[in-house]
C-alpha atoms as a PDB file:
ATOM      1  CA  MET A   1     106.700  87.880  96.742  1.00  0.00           C
ATOM      2  CA  GLN A   2     108.240  84.412  96.447  1.00  0.00           C
ATOM      3  CA  LYS A   3     111.752  83.701  97.603  1.00  0.00           C
ATOM      4  CA  ASN A   4     114.038  82.794  94.741  1.00  0.00           C
ATOM      5  CA  ALA A   5     115.579  79.334  95.156  1.00  0.00           C
ATOM      6  CA  SER A   6     118.546  80.393  93.021  1.00  0.00           C
ATOM      7  CA  VAL A   7     119.731  83.067  95.467  1.00  0.00           C
ATOM      8  CA  PRO A   8     123.531  82.864  95.646  1.00  0.00           C
ATOM      9  CA  PHE A   9     125.080  81.259  98.720  1.00  0.00           C
ATOM     10  CA  PHE A  10     126.763  84.464  99.904  1.00  0.00           C
ATOM     11  CA  GLU A  11     123.469  86.358  99.650  1.00  0.00           C
ATOM     12  CA  ARG A  12     121.708  83.777 101.840  1.00  0.00           C
ATOM     13  CA  PHE A  13     124.666  83.664 104.238  1.00  0.00           C
ATOM     14  CA  ALA A  14     124.830  87.455 104.534  1.00  0.00           C
ATOM     15  CA  ASN A  15     121.084  87.702 105.175  1.00  0.00           C
ATOM     16  CA  LYS A  16     121.192  85.039 107.906  1.00  0.00           C
ATOM     17  CA  VAL A  17     124.258  86.536 109.598  1.00  0.00           C
ATOM     18  CA  THR A  18     122.739  90.025 109.476  1.00  0.00           C
ATOM     19  CA  GLN A  19     119.507  88.779 111.025  1.00  0.00           C
ATOM     20  CA  ALA A  20     121.302  86.709 113.655  1.00  0.00           C
ATOM     21  CA  THR A  21     123.761  89.410 114.723  1.00  0.00           C
ATOM     22  CA  GLY A  22     120.968  91.955 114.960  1.00  0.00           C
ATOM     23  CA  SER A  23     119.078  89.882 117.508  1.00  0.00           C
ATOM     24  CA  SER A  24     118.848  90.265 121.283  1.00  0.00           C
ATOM     25  CA  LEU A  25     120.363  86.811 121.702  1.00  0.00           C
ATOM     26  CA  ALA A  26     123.475  87.853 119.759  1.00  0.00           C
ATOM     27  CA  PHE A  27     123.940  90.869 122.033  1.00  0.00           C
ATOM     28  CA  ILE A  28     123.541  88.719 125.147  1.00  0.00           C
ATOM     29  CA  ILE A  29     126.068  86.176 123.831  1.00  0.00           C
ATOM     30  CA  ALA A  30     128.567  88.937 122.991  1.00  0.00           C
ATOM     31  CA  ALA A  31     128.144  90.509 126.431  1.00  0.00           C
ATOM     32  CA  LEU A  32     128.588  87.105 128.111  1.00  0.00           C
ATOM     33  CA  LEU A  33     131.768  86.452 126.126  1.00  0.00           C
ATOM     34  CA  ILE A  34     133.214  89.761 127.322  1.00  0.00           C
ATOM     35  CA  VAL A  35     132.234  88.979 130.928  1.00  0.00           C
ATOM     36  CA  ILE A  36     133.826  85.511 130.670  1.00  0.00           C
ATOM     37  CA  TRP A  37     136.945  86.998 129.101  1.00  0.00           C
ATOM     38  CA  ALA A  38     137.189  89.622 131.868  1.00  0.00           C
ATOM     39  CA  ALA A  39     136.607  86.997 134.563  1.00  0.00           C
ATOM     40  CA  THR A  40     139.457  84.853 133.218  1.00  0.00           C
ATOM     41  CA  GLY A  41     141.910  87.756 133.486  1.00  0.00           C
ATOM     42  CA  PRO A  42     143.226  86.773 136.927  1.00  0.00           C
ATOM     43  CA  LEU A  43     143.525  83.150 135.789  1.00  0.00           C
ATOM     44  CA  PHE A  44     145.852  84.193 132.955  1.00  0.00           C
ATOM     45  CA  HIS A  45     147.509  86.943 135.024  1.00  0.00           C
ATOM     46  CA  TYR A  46     146.193  89.554 132.588  1.00  0.00           C
ATOM     47  CA  SER A  47     148.875  88.450 130.139  1.00  0.00           C
ATOM     48  CA  GLU A  48     149.431  89.908 126.708  1.00  0.00           C
ATOM     49  CA  THR A  49     148.034  86.716 125.184  1.00  0.00           C
ATOM     50  CA  TRP A  50     144.870  87.105 127.259  1.00  0.00           C
ATOM     51  CA  GLN A  51     144.479  90.692 125.981  1.00  0.00           C
ATOM     52  CA  LEU A  52     145.344  89.658 122.438  1.00  0.00           C
ATOM     53  CA  VAL A  53     142.520  87.100 122.383  1.00  0.00           C
ATOM     54  CA  VAL A  54     139.795  89.712 122.791  1.00  0.00           C
ATOM     55  CA  ASN A  55     141.571  92.333 120.673  1.00  0.00           C
ATOM     56  CA  THR A  56     142.088  89.986 117.747  1.00  0.00           C
ATOM     57  CA  GLY A  57     138.629  88.455 117.994  1.00  0.00           C
ATOM     58  CA  THR A  58     136.795  91.775 118.135  1.00  0.00           C
ATOM     59  CA  THR A  59     138.948  93.247 115.359  1.00  0.00           C
ATOM     60  CA  ILE A  60     138.196  90.362 112.996  1.00  0.00           C
ATOM     61  CA  VAL A  61     134.478  90.358 113.806  1.00  0.00           C
ATOM     62  CA  THR A  62     134.280  94.153 113.399  1.00  0.00           C
ATOM     63  CA  PHE A  63     136.140  94.051 110.085  1.00  0.00           C
ATOM     64  CA  LEU A  64     133.832  91.386 108.630  1.00  0.00           C
ATOM     65  CA  MET A  65     130.665  92.956 110.045  1.00  0.00           C
ATOM     66  CA  VAL A  66     131.432  96.284 108.346  1.00  0.00           C
ATOM     67  CA  PHE A  67     131.090  94.592 104.968  1.00  0.00           C
ATOM     68  CA  LEU A  68     128.022  92.562 105.917  1.00  0.00           C
ATOM     69  CA  ILE A  69     126.266  95.622 107.325  1.00  0.00           C
ATOM     70  CA  GLN A  70     127.139  97.680 104.242  1.00  0.00           C
ATOM     71  CA  LYS A  71     125.829  94.935 101.953  1.00  0.00           C
ATOM     72  CA  SER A  72     122.616  94.784 103.954  1.00  0.00           C
ATOM     73  CA  GLN A  73     122.213  98.572 103.859  1.00  0.00           C
ATOM     74  CA  ASN A  74     122.848  98.702 100.115  1.00  0.00           C
ATOM     75  CA  LYS A  75     120.194  96.047  99.537  1.00  0.00           C
ATOM     76  CA  ASP A  76     117.685  97.757 101.852  1.00  0.00           C
ATOM     77  CA  SER A  77     118.341 101.137 100.258  1.00  0.00           C
ATOM     78  CA  LYS A  78     117.789  99.721  96.772  1.00  0.00           C
ATOM     79  CA  ALA A  79     114.544  98.040  97.864  1.00  0.00           C
ATOM     80  CA  ILE A  80     113.283 101.249  99.488  1.00  0.00           C
ATOM     81  CA  GLN A  81     114.111 103.251  96.348  1.00  0.00           C
ATOM     82  CA  LEU A  82     112.214 100.760  94.197  1.00  0.00           C
ATOM     83  CA  LYS A  83     109.199 100.921  96.509  1.00  0.00           C
ATOM     84  CA  LEU A  84     109.248 104.727  96.511  1.00  0.00           C
ATOM     85  CA  ASN A  85     109.527 104.774  92.719  1.00  0.00           C
ATOM     86  CA  GLU A  86     106.526 102.436  92.519  1.00  0.00           C
ATOM     87  CA  LEU A  87     104.524 104.710  94.825  1.00  0.00           C
ATOM     88  CA  ILE A  88     105.400 107.733  92.699  1.00  0.00           C
ATOM     89  CA  ALA A  89     104.441 105.884  89.523  1.00  0.00           C
ATOM     90  CA  ALA A  90     101.148 104.698  91.034  1.00  0.00           C
ATOM     91  CA  THR A  91     100.120 108.062  92.515  1.00  0.00           C
ATOM     92  CA  LYS A  92      98.020 110.190  90.201  1.00  0.00           C
ATOM     93  CA  GLY A  93      99.412 113.689  89.845  1.00  0.00           C
ATOM     94  CA  ALA A  94     102.733 112.829  91.503  1.00  0.00           C
ATOM     95  CA  SER A  95     105.869 114.286  89.983  1.00  0.00           C
ATOM     96  CA  ASN A  96     108.473 111.792  88.851  1.00  0.00           C
ATOM     97  CA  ARG A  97     111.287 114.367  88.739  1.00  0.00           C
ATOM     98  CA  LEU A  98     112.951 112.835  91.782  1.00  0.00           C
ATOM     99  CA  VAL A  99     112.710 109.165  90.824  1.00  0.00           C
ATOM    100  CA  ASP A 100     116.493 109.007  90.329  1.00  0.00           C
ATOM    101  CA  ALA A 101     117.412 111.355  93.197  1.00  0.00           C
ATOM    102  CA  GLU A 102     119.653 108.705  94.764  1.00  0.00           C
ATOM    103  CA  ASP A 103     121.999 109.108  91.766  1.00  0.00           C
ATOM    104  CA  LEU A 104     122.548 112.850  92.363  1.00  0.00           C
ATOM    105  CA  ASN A 105     125.670 114.142  94.076  1.00  0.00           C
ATOM    106  CA  GLU A 106     125.412 115.526  97.598  1.00  0.00           C
ATOM    107  CA  ASP A 107     125.495 119.193  96.501  1.00  0.00           C
ATOM    108  CA  LYS A 108     122.511 118.661  94.197  1.00  0.00           C
ATOM    109  CA  LEU A 109     120.671 116.801  96.975  1.00  0.00           C
ATOM    110  CA  ASP A 110     121.336 119.727  99.343  1.00  0.00           C
ATOM    111  CA  GLU A 111     119.994 122.159  96.717  1.00  0.00           C
ATOM    112  CA  LEU A 112     116.866 120.057  96.273  1.00  0.00           C
ATOM    113  CA  HIS A 113     116.436 119.777 100.028  1.00  0.00           C
ATOM    114  CA  LYS A 114     116.546 123.583 100.387  1.00  0.00           C
ATOM    115  CA  LEU A 115     114.059 123.927  97.523  1.00  0.00           C
ATOM    116  CA  TYR A 116     111.628 121.476  99.114  1.00  0.00           C
ATOM    117  CA  VAL A 117     111.988 123.139 102.523  1.00  0.00           C
ATOM    118  CA  LYS A 118     110.993 126.424 100.844  1.00  0.00           C
ATOM    119  CA  ILE A 119     108.070 124.698  99.076  1.00  0.00           C
ATOM    120  CA  ALA A 120     106.960 123.213 102.405  1.00  0.00           C
ATOM    121  CA  GLU A 121     107.108 126.644 104.061  1.00  0.00           C
ATOM    122  CA  LEU A 122     105.083 128.229 101.243  1.00  0.00           C
ATOM    123  CA  THR A 123     102.570 125.381 101.351  1.00  0.00           C
ATOM    124  CA  ALA A 124     102.220 125.747 105.118  1.00  0.00           C
ATOM    125  CA  ALA A 125     101.727 129.504 104.745  1.00  0.00           C
ATOM    126  CA  LYS A 126      99.051 128.985 102.076  1.00  0.00           C
ATOM    127  CA  ARG A 127      97.429 126.310 104.228  1.00  0.00           C
ATOM    128  CA  ASP A 128      97.445 128.746 107.179  1.00  0.00           C
ATOM    129  CA  GLU A 129      95.932 131.468 104.974  1.00  0.00           C
ATOM    130  CA  ALA A 130      93.281 129.045 103.725  1.00  0.00           C
ATOM    131  CA  ALA A 131      92.534 127.930 107.285  1.00  0.00           C
ATOM    132  CA  ALA A 132      92.264 131.545 108.435  1.00  0.00           C
ATOM    133  CA  GLU A 133      89.933 132.320 105.525  1.00  0.00           C
ATOM    134  CA  THR A 134      87.787 129.289 106.368  1.00  0.00           C
ATOM    135  CA  VAL A 135      87.584 130.356 110.011  1.00  0.00           C
ATOM    136  CA  LYS A 136      86.680 133.908 108.948  1.00  0.00           C
ATOM    137  CA  LYS A 137      83.902 132.592 106.690  1.00  0.00           C
ATOM    138  CA  GLU A 138      82.542 130.417 109.510  1.00  0.00           C
ATOM    139  CA  VAL A 139      82.657 133.334 111.952  1.00  0.00           C
ATOM    140  CA  ASP A 140      80.923 135.586 109.405  1.00  0.00           C
ATOM    141  CA  LYS A 141      78.268 132.920 108.817  1.00  0.00           C
ATOM    142  CA  ASP A 142      77.760 132.483 112.561  1.00  0.00           C
ATOM    143  CA  ALA A 143      77.601 136.270 112.974  1.00  0.00           C
ATOM    144  CA  ASP A 144      74.897 136.440 110.274  1.00  0.00           C
ATOM    145  CA  VAL A 145      72.905 133.720 112.051  1.00  0.00           C
ATOM    146  CA  ILE A 146      73.270 135.482 115.409  1.00  0.00           C
ATOM    147  CA  GLU A 147      72.315 138.820 113.841  1.00  0.00           C
ATOM    148  CA  GLY A 148      69.189 137.214 112.363  1.00  0.00           C
ATOM    149  CA  ARG A 149      68.244 135.772 115.743  1.00  0.00           C
ATOM    150  CA  ILE A 150      68.719 139.149 117.418  1.00  0.00           C
ATOM    151  CA  LYS A 151      66.393 140.747 114.836  1.00  0.00           C
ATOM    152  CA  ASP A 152      63.783 138.034 115.478  1.00  0.00           C
ATOM    153  CA  ILE A 153      63.998 138.577 119.237  1.00  0.00           C
ATOM    154  CA  LYS A 154      63.680 142.359 118.774  1.00  0.00           C
ATOM    155  CA  LYS A 155      60.553 141.854 116.635  1.00  0.00           C
ATOM    156  CA  GLN A 156      59.074 139.594 119.284  1.00  0.00           C
ATOM    157  CA  MET A 157      59.887 142.143 121.973  1.00  0.00           C
ATOM    158  CA  ASP A 158      58.350 144.965 119.892  1.00  0.00           C
ATOM    159  CA  GLY A 159      55.192 142.878 119.559  1.00  0.00           C
ATOM    160  CA  LEU A 160      55.067 142.384 123.319  1.00  0.00           C
ATOM    161  CA  LYS A 161      55.434 146.095 124.210  1.00  0.00           C
ATOM    162  CA  GLY A 162      51.762 146.926 123.640  1.00  0.00           C
ATOM    163  CA  THR A 163      50.422 143.962 125.560  1.00  0.00           C
ATOM    164  CA  SER A 164      50.233 143.579 129.277  1.00  0.00           C
ATOM    165  CA  PRO A 165      50.888 140.265 130.890  1.00  0.00           C
ATOM    166  CA  LYS A 166      47.797 138.307 131.891  1.00  0.00           C
ATOM    167  CA  LEU A 167      47.657 137.118 135.436  1.00  0.00           C
END
């Protein structure tokens, strides 16, 4: 998919900030800033201004990051929903009843979740029954083969009863 050159400035800015702040380098820089701030405490006699610097800075950054993170999550959620809808549409035999599930209220989502848990349990039980039936058929088939071999061996032994071994 091509990147759109007409993406609004804030969109580009938010994407870059989200990527940058989610990096290892950003964490290291933030940790270093805290270490430097803590190390300068004795220099500033642990004054209120010294404390205010870190409190104000972290408060402002946290406040702004809440909105950037939420914007990023909204965008990611929308993209994931579109991809899931495409998969449902492209999968033969798939039900499209849940294409708009993200628009349901939480109670309805909980109801659907319980329903699908029950469906999963029933499917697992049927799968277990089918697996047990398959194993039983295989065992029966193997038993028939073994029974046939035993009959063949008995016939061979019956044929050998009247003969004496040649030395």
